[in-house]
Amino acid sequence: MAGLDGVLPAACSTSVTLNLFVWTIPSAAAEFINSFVKNATAGKIKEAVKPSLLKSVRMLIINAIYFKGLWEQQFRAEDTYKADFFTSPTQVSSVDMMTQRAFFRNGVSEELDADVVELPYRGGAASLFVLLPRDSGTGGELDRMLQRLTPAVLASVIGNLESSERILNLPKFKFEKGLSSELKEALISMGIRDAFDDTADLSTFDGKKPSW
């Protein structure tokens, strides 16, 4: 990602494999794809595609990533407590709040109007950076921060963090996000437009010329 070169160390290696299938047998293609995804995610994702989905598919690009990391500074389960967490000035949820006192790289970004802390994973190859917008009571703090957040700004923020002892309170969380529409928009913005059009010439992959 432009602006982040040299900031985040490589945490994994990548490889690309091209496989050609007889799409008239979608069950065989689905079995191969699902086996690949299952192996790549240590069994966490067992079915990525169904045979019925592949009946009208001419080309499929699929990627699978599995990451399991342990915090360098562990949160102790016995220190977790219930606390109120505000998702807006008027909406509050009761959450499990993790807490610990330790040395963290942290700082304040005036450009993002946010506090920043780094939580490294064991081994030093990857970190989670938490950005907390300052509360101004409007409810729009997060959106404003995201509008200002760019790779260059993030690289500058990370480069200016300093280590100091802090009491960190962090709600337990998990990520669940579908990326189908966002991925399509991202690829189109990168110039990959024709592949999403009905007139796309994918004859290299399936031997069929477009009908226009």
C-alpha atoms as a PDB file:
ATOM      1  CA  MET A   1       0.000   0.000   0.000  1.00  0.00           C
ATOM      2  CA  ALA A   2       1.433   3.356  -1.015  1.00  0.00           C
ATOM      3  CA  GLY A   3       2.714   5.335   1.942  1.00  0.00           C
ATOM      4  CA  LEU A   4       3.168   2.319   4.189  1.00  0.00           C
ATOM      5  CA  ASP A   5       6.288   0.836   2.607  1.00  0.00           C
ATOM      6  CA  GLY A   6       8.717  -0.134   5.354  1.00  0.00           C
ATOM      7  CA  VAL A   7       6.274   0.681   8.135  1.00  0.00           C
ATOM      8  CA  LEU A   8       4.577  -2.676   8.544  1.00  0.00           C
ATOM      9  CA  PRO A   9       6.872  -5.717   8.313  1.00  0.00           C
ATOM     10  CA  ALA A  10       5.805  -8.680   6.234  1.00  0.00           C
ATOM     11  CA  ALA A  11       3.872 -11.121   8.392  1.00  0.00           C
ATOM     12  CA  CYS A  12       3.205 -13.747   5.779  1.00  0.00           C
ATOM     13  CA  SER A  13       4.288 -14.959   2.364  1.00  0.00           C
ATOM     14  CA  THR A  14       2.021 -15.166  -0.657  1.00  0.00           C
ATOM     15  CA  SER A  15       1.811 -17.322  -3.742  1.00  0.00           C
ATOM     16  CA  VAL A  16      -0.466 -17.405  -6.757  1.00  0.00           C
ATOM     17  CA  THR A  17      -1.726 -20.581  -8.416  1.00  0.00           C
ATOM     18  CA  LEU A  18      -3.664 -20.716 -11.680  1.00  0.00           C
ATOM     19  CA  ASN A  19      -6.008 -23.669 -12.107  1.00  0.00           C
ATOM     20  CA  LEU A  20      -8.132 -24.432 -15.160  1.00  0.00           C
ATOM     21  CA  PHE A  21     -11.405 -26.306 -14.697  1.00  0.00           C
ATOM     22  CA  VAL A  22     -14.067 -27.834 -16.882  1.00  0.00           C
ATOM     23  CA  TRP A  23     -16.881 -25.602 -15.678  1.00  0.00           C
ATOM     24  CA  THR A  24     -19.462 -28.059 -17.007  1.00  0.00           C
ATOM     25  CA  ILE A  25     -18.668 -30.069 -13.862  1.00  0.00           C
ATOM     26  CA  PRO A  26     -19.239 -27.393 -11.200  1.00  0.00           C
ATOM     27  CA  SER A  27     -19.238 -29.921  -8.365  1.00  0.00           C
ATOM     28  CA  ALA A  28     -15.598 -30.849  -9.058  1.00  0.00           C
ATOM     29  CA  ALA A  29     -14.539 -27.200  -9.238  1.00  0.00           C
ATOM     30  CA  ALA A  30     -16.403 -26.379  -6.022  1.00  0.00           C
ATOM     31  CA  GLU A  31     -14.803 -29.319  -4.236  1.00  0.00           C
ATOM     32  CA  PHE A  32     -11.307 -28.180  -5.256  1.00  0.00           C
ATOM     33  CA  ILE A  33     -11.953 -24.542  -4.300  1.00  0.00           C
ATOM     34  CA  ASN A  34     -13.492 -25.415  -0.941  1.00  0.00           C
ATOM     35  CA  SER A  35     -10.605 -27.762  -0.172  1.00  0.00           C
ATOM     36  CA  PHE A  36      -8.122 -24.967  -0.915  1.00  0.00           C
ATOM     37  CA  VAL A  37      -9.967 -22.489   1.315  1.00  0.00           C
ATOM     38  CA  LYS A  38     -10.376 -25.028   4.122  1.00  0.00           C
ATOM     39  CA  ASN A  39      -6.647 -25.808   4.128  1.00  0.00           C
ATOM     40  CA  ALA A  40      -5.662 -22.127   3.899  1.00  0.00           C
ATOM     41  CA  THR A  41      -7.845 -21.178   6.883  1.00  0.00           C
ATOM     42  CA  ALA A  42      -6.976 -24.149   9.113  1.00  0.00           C
ATOM     43  CA  GLY A  43     -10.496 -25.509   8.737  1.00  0.00           C
ATOM     44  CA  LYS A  44     -12.217 -22.277   9.825  1.00  0.00           C
ATOM     45  CA  ILE A  45     -13.972 -21.827   6.460  1.00  0.00           C
ATOM     46  CA  LYS A  46     -15.254 -25.136   5.133  1.00  0.00           C
ATOM     47  CA  GLU A  47     -17.400 -23.942   2.235  1.00  0.00           C
ATOM     48  CA  ALA A  48     -16.606 -20.837   0.206  1.00  0.00           C
ATOM     49  CA  VAL A  49     -18.662 -21.655  -2.892  1.00  0.00           C
ATOM     50  CA  LYS A  50     -21.546 -23.917  -3.814  1.00  0.00           C
ATOM     51  CA  PRO A  51     -21.657 -25.899  -7.087  1.00  0.00           C
ATOM     52  CA  SER A  52     -24.808 -24.012  -8.115  1.00  0.00           C
ATOM     53  CA  LEU A  53     -22.902 -20.727  -7.955  1.00  0.00           C
ATOM     54  CA  LEU A  54     -20.355 -21.949 -10.490  1.00  0.00           C
ATOM     55  CA  LYS A  55     -22.849 -22.880 -13.199  1.00  0.00           C
ATOM     56  CA  SER A  56     -22.711 -19.397 -14.717  1.00  0.00           C
ATOM     57  CA  VAL A  57     -19.137 -18.523 -13.702  1.00  0.00           C
ATOM     58  CA  ARG A  58     -16.495 -18.040 -16.388  1.00  0.00           C
ATOM     59  CA  MET A  59     -13.628 -16.919 -14.191  1.00  0.00           C
ATOM     60  CA  LEU A  60     -13.169 -16.968 -10.426  1.00  0.00           C
ATOM     61  CA  ILE A  61     -10.467 -15.244  -8.388  1.00  0.00           C
ATOM     62  CA  ILE A  62     -10.381 -16.460  -4.801  1.00  0.00           C
ATOM     63  CA  ASN A  63      -8.073 -15.722  -1.901  1.00  0.00           C
ATOM     64  CA  ALA A  64      -8.013 -17.085   1.635  1.00  0.00           C
ATOM     65  CA  ILE A  65      -6.053 -15.751   4.602  1.00  0.00           C
ATOM     66  CA  TYR A  66      -5.824 -17.198   8.102  1.00  0.00           C
ATOM     67  CA  PHE A  67      -4.167 -15.299  10.918  1.00  0.00           C
ATOM     68  CA  LYS A  68      -3.930 -16.364  14.548  1.00  0.00           C
ATOM     69  CA  GLY A  69      -1.825 -14.205  16.805  1.00  0.00           C
ATOM     70  CA  LEU A  70      -1.167 -13.881  20.523  1.00  0.00           C
ATOM     71  CA  TRP A  71      -0.701 -10.468  22.085  1.00  0.00           C
ATOM     72  CA  GLU A  72       2.840  -9.647  23.175  1.00  0.00           C
ATOM     73  CA  GLN A  73       1.240  -8.228  26.325  1.00  0.00           C
ATOM     74  CA  GLN A  74      -1.538 -10.632  27.333  1.00  0.00           C
ATOM     75  CA  PHE A  75      -4.829  -9.462  28.839  1.00  0.00           C
ATOM     76  CA  ARG A  76      -5.628 -11.517  31.946  1.00  0.00           C
ATOM     77  CA  ALA A  77      -9.119 -13.031  31.911  1.00  0.00           C
ATOM     78  CA  GLU A  78      -9.575 -12.369  35.622  1.00  0.00           C
ATOM     79  CA  ASP A  79      -9.125  -8.621  35.035  1.00  0.00           C
ATOM     80  CA  THR A  80     -11.974  -8.410  32.516  1.00  0.00           C
ATOM     81  CA  TYR A  81     -15.036  -6.562  33.801  1.00  0.00           C
ATOM     82  CA  LYS A  82     -18.410  -5.338  32.572  1.00  0.00           C
ATOM     83  CA  ALA A  83     -18.536  -1.737  31.394  1.00  0.00           C
ATOM     84  CA  ASP A  84     -20.690   0.621  29.342  1.00  0.00           C
ATOM     85  CA  PHE A  85     -19.529   1.193  25.762  1.00  0.00           C
ATOM     86  CA  PHE A  86     -21.048   4.079  23.801  1.00  0.00           C
ATOM     87  CA  THR A  87     -21.559   3.478  20.071  1.00  0.00           C
ATOM     88  CA  SER A  88     -23.104   6.954  19.794  1.00  0.00           C
ATOM     89  CA  PRO A  89     -23.888   9.771  22.232  1.00  0.00           C
ATOM     90  CA  THR A  90     -27.275   8.137  22.910  1.00  0.00           C
ATOM     91  CA  GLN A  91     -26.611   4.401  22.381  1.00  0.00           C
ATOM     92  CA  VAL A  92     -24.776   2.345  24.972  1.00  0.00           C
ATOM     93  CA  SER A  93     -24.014  -1.367  25.303  1.00  0.00           C
ATOM     94  CA  SER A  94     -22.720  -3.427  28.208  1.00  0.00           C
ATOM     95  CA  VAL A  95     -19.488  -5.108  27.088  1.00  0.00           C
ATOM     96  CA  ASP A  96     -16.676  -7.225  28.476  1.00  0.00           C
ATOM     97  CA  MET A  97     -13.851  -4.736  29.004  1.00  0.00           C
ATOM     98  CA  MET A  98     -10.282  -6.051  28.997  1.00  0.00           C
ATOM     99  CA  THR A  99      -7.718  -4.065  30.953  1.00  0.00           C
ATOM    100  CA  GLN A 100      -4.022  -4.057  31.745  1.00  0.00           C
ATOM    101  CA  ARG A 101      -1.207  -1.738  32.803  1.00  0.00           C
ATOM    102  CA  ALA A 102       1.849  -2.057  30.556  1.00  0.00           C
ATOM    103  CA  PHE A 103       4.229  -0.180  28.291  1.00  0.00           C
ATOM    104  CA  PHE A 104       2.724   0.506  24.857  1.00  0.00           C
ATOM    105  CA  ARG A 105       3.790   2.609  21.907  1.00  0.00           C
ATOM    106  CA  ASN A 106       1.139   5.303  21.852  1.00  0.00           C
ATOM    107  CA  GLY A 107       0.495   8.889  20.898  1.00  0.00           C
ATOM    108  CA  VAL A 108      -1.960  11.550  19.809  1.00  0.00           C
ATOM    109  CA  SER A 109      -2.700  12.466  16.197  1.00  0.00           C
ATOM    110  CA  GLU A 110      -3.785  16.081  15.862  1.00  0.00           C
ATOM    111  CA  GLU A 111      -4.571  15.537  12.180  1.00  0.00           C
ATOM    112  CA  LEU A 112      -6.942  12.668  12.966  1.00  0.00           C
ATOM    113  CA  ASP A 113      -8.007  14.160  16.302  1.00  0.00           C
ATOM    114  CA  ALA A 114      -7.509  10.734  17.832  1.00  0.00           C
ATOM    115  CA  ASP A 115      -5.534   8.775  20.403  1.00  0.00           C
ATOM    116  CA  VAL A 116      -3.472   5.910  18.978  1.00  0.00           C
ATOM    117  CA  VAL A 117      -1.981   2.804  20.587  1.00  0.00           C
ATOM    118  CA  GLU A 118      -0.046  -0.132  19.157  1.00  0.00           C
ATOM    119  CA  LEU A 119      -0.751  -3.671  20.357  1.00  0.00           C
ATOM    120  CA  PRO A 120       2.032  -5.902  18.988  1.00  0.00           C
ATOM    121  CA  TYR A 121       1.511  -9.585  18.405  1.00  0.00           C
ATOM    122  CA  ARG A 122       4.019 -12.061  19.785  1.00  0.00           C
ATOM    123  CA  GLY A 123       7.053 -12.334  17.545  1.00  0.00           C
ATOM    124  CA  GLY A 124       6.999  -8.721  16.396  1.00  0.00           C
ATOM    125  CA  ALA A 125       5.897  -9.454  12.810  1.00  0.00           C
ATOM    126  CA  ALA A 126       2.477  -7.798  13.141  1.00  0.00           C
ATOM    127  CA  SER A 127       0.637  -5.278  15.286  1.00  0.00           C
ATOM    128  CA  LEU A 128      -2.877  -4.016  15.787  1.00  0.00           C
ATOM    129  CA  PHE A 129      -3.154  -0.226  15.814  1.00  0.00           C
ATOM    130  CA  VAL A 130      -6.184   1.114  17.668  1.00  0.00           C
ATOM    131  CA  LEU A 131      -7.362   4.629  16.804  1.00  0.00           C
ATOM    132  CA  LEU A 132      -9.821   6.250  19.202  1.00  0.00           C
ATOM    133  CA  PRO A 133     -11.334   9.546  17.977  1.00  0.00           C
ATOM    134  CA  ARG A 134     -11.666  12.188  20.655  1.00  0.00           C
ATOM    135  CA  ASP A 135     -15.198  12.619  21.946  1.00  0.00           C
ATOM    136  CA  SER A 136     -16.723  15.952  20.974  1.00  0.00           C
ATOM    137  CA  GLY A 137     -20.294  14.897  21.747  1.00  0.00           C
ATOM    138  CA  THR A 138     -21.518  15.093  18.148  1.00  0.00           C
ATOM    139  CA  GLY A 139     -21.532  11.414  17.228  1.00  0.00           C
ATOM    140  CA  GLY A 140     -19.684  12.093  13.973  1.00  0.00           C
ATOM    141  CA  GLU A 141     -16.155  11.758  15.319  1.00  0.00           C
ATOM    142  CA  LEU A 142     -15.483   8.349  13.748  1.00  0.00           C
ATOM    143  CA  ASP A 143     -16.688   9.383  10.283  1.00  0.00           C
ATOM    144  CA  ARG A 144     -14.545  12.528  10.357  1.00  0.00           C
ATOM    145  CA  MET A 145     -11.494  10.528  11.392  1.00  0.00           C
ATOM    146  CA  LEU A 146     -12.015   7.987   8.604  1.00  0.00           C
ATOM    147  CA  GLN A 147     -12.351  10.765   6.027  1.00  0.00           C
ATOM    148  CA  ARG A 148      -8.922  12.090   7.033  1.00  0.00           C
ATOM    149  CA  LEU A 149      -7.266   8.686   7.288  1.00  0.00           C
ATOM    150  CA  THR A 150      -4.920   7.968   4.374  1.00  0.00           C
ATOM    151  CA  PRO A 151      -1.907   5.629   4.044  1.00  0.00           C
ATOM    152  CA  ALA A 152       0.434   8.625   4.326  1.00  0.00           C
ATOM    153  CA  VAL A 153      -1.293   9.943   7.451  1.00  0.00           C
ATOM    154  CA  LEU A 154      -1.285   6.486   9.039  1.00  0.00           C
ATOM    155  CA  ALA A 155       2.409   6.031   8.275  1.00  0.00           C
ATOM    156  CA  SER A 156       3.161   9.380   9.916  1.00  0.00           C
ATOM    157  CA  VAL A 157       1.080   8.503  12.979  1.00  0.00           C
ATOM    158  CA  ILE A 158       2.800   5.129  13.412  1.00  0.00           C
ATOM    159  CA  GLY A 159       6.233   6.673  12.984  1.00  0.00           C
ATOM    160  CA  ASN A 160       5.619   9.184  15.776  1.00  0.00           C
ATOM    161  CA  LEU A 161       4.431   6.763  18.463  1.00  0.00           C
ATOM    162  CA  GLU A 162       6.488   6.597  21.660  1.00  0.00           C
ATOM    163  CA  SER A 163       6.565   3.985  24.413  1.00  0.00           C
ATOM    164  CA  SER A 164       5.147   4.831  27.820  1.00  0.00           C
ATOM    165  CA  GLU A 165       3.296   3.040  30.601  1.00  0.00           C
ATOM    166  CA  ARG A 166      -0.460   3.155  30.199  1.00  0.00           C
ATOM    167  CA  ILE A 167      -3.599   1.615  31.624  1.00  0.00           C
ATOM    168  CA  LEU A 168      -5.333   0.254  28.544  1.00  0.00           C
ATOM    169  CA  ASN A 169      -9.046  -0.563  28.578  1.00  0.00           C
ATOM    170  CA  LEU A 170     -10.211  -2.379  25.453  1.00  0.00           C
ATOM    171  CA  PRO A 171     -13.609  -4.008  24.833  1.00  0.00           C
ATOM    172  CA  LYS A 172     -13.573  -7.601  23.636  1.00  0.00           C
ATOM    173  CA  PHE A 173     -14.366  -7.587  19.930  1.00  0.00           C
ATOM    174  CA  LYS A 174     -14.484  -9.630  16.768  1.00  0.00           C
ATOM    175  CA  PHE A 175     -14.503  -8.692  13.086  1.00  0.00           C
ATOM    176  CA  GLU A 176     -17.268  -9.907  10.790  1.00  0.00           C
ATOM    177  CA  LYS A 177     -17.297  -8.171   7.440  1.00  0.00           C
ATOM    178  CA  GLY A 178     -18.465  -9.007   3.943  1.00  0.00           C
ATOM    179  CA  LEU A 179     -16.281  -7.526   1.228  1.00  0.00           C
ATOM    180  CA  SER A 180     -18.020  -8.436  -2.031  1.00  0.00           C
ATOM    181  CA  SER A 181     -19.264  -4.955  -2.996  1.00  0.00           C
ATOM    182  CA  GLU A 182     -16.270  -3.140  -1.499  1.00  0.00           C
ATOM    183  CA  LEU A 183     -13.826  -5.430  -3.319  1.00  0.00           C
ATOM    184  CA  LYS A 184     -15.578  -4.881  -6.640  1.00  0.00           C
ATOM    185  CA  GLU A 185     -15.486  -1.105  -6.168  1.00  0.00           C
ATOM    186  CA  ALA A 186     -11.810  -1.240  -5.176  1.00  0.00           C
ATOM    187  CA  LEU A 187     -10.862  -3.272  -8.261  1.00  0.00           C
ATOM    188  CA  ILE A 188     -12.843  -0.945 -10.536  1.00  0.00           C
ATOM    189  CA  SER A 189     -11.083   2.076  -9.005  1.00  0.00           C
ATOM    190  CA  MET A 190      -7.756   0.372  -9.803  1.00  0.00           C
ATOM    191  CA  GLY A 191      -8.752   0.163 -13.480  1.00  0.00           C
ATOM    192  CA  ILE A 192     -10.141  -3.397 -13.622  1.00  0.00           C
ATOM    193  CA  ARG A 193     -13.468  -2.423 -15.190  1.00  0.00           C
ATOM    194  CA  ASP A 194     -14.108  -4.667 -18.187  1.00  0.00           C
ATOM    195  CA  ALA A 195     -14.055  -7.873 -16.113  1.00  0.00           C
ATOM    196  CA  PHE A 196     -17.325  -6.844 -14.434  1.00  0.00           C
ATOM    197  CA  ASP A 197     -19.126  -6.116 -17.708  1.00  0.00           C
ATOM    198  CA  ASP A 198     -21.318  -8.619 -19.567  1.00  0.00           C
ATOM    199  CA  THR A 199     -19.316  -7.898 -22.723  1.00  0.00           C
ATOM    200  CA  ALA A 200     -15.972  -8.824 -21.117  1.00  0.00           C
ATOM    201  CA  ASP A 201     -13.746 -10.932 -23.374  1.00  0.00           C
ATOM    202  CA  LEU A 202     -12.742 -13.868 -21.170  1.00  0.00           C
ATOM    203  CA  SER A 203     -12.144 -16.245 -24.062  1.00  0.00           C
ATOM    204  CA  THR A 204      -8.606 -16.895 -22.811  1.00  0.00           C
ATOM    205  CA  PHE A 205     -10.162 -18.697 -19.853  1.00  0.00           C
ATOM    206  CA  ASP A 206     -13.216 -20.406 -21.309  1.00  0.00           C
ATOM    207  CA  GLY A 207     -12.824 -20.223 -25.093  1.00  0.00           C
ATOM    208  CA  LYS A 208     -16.106 -18.313 -25.480  1.00  0.00           C
ATOM    209  CA  LYS A 209     -16.098 -15.057 -27.399  1.00  0.00           C
ATOM    210  CA  PRO A 210     -18.360 -12.231 -26.160  1.00  0.00           C
ATOM    211  CA  SER A 211     -21.666 -11.875 -28.005  1.00  0.00           C
ATOM    212  CA  TRP A 212     -21.177  -8.263 -29.079  1.00  0.00           C
END
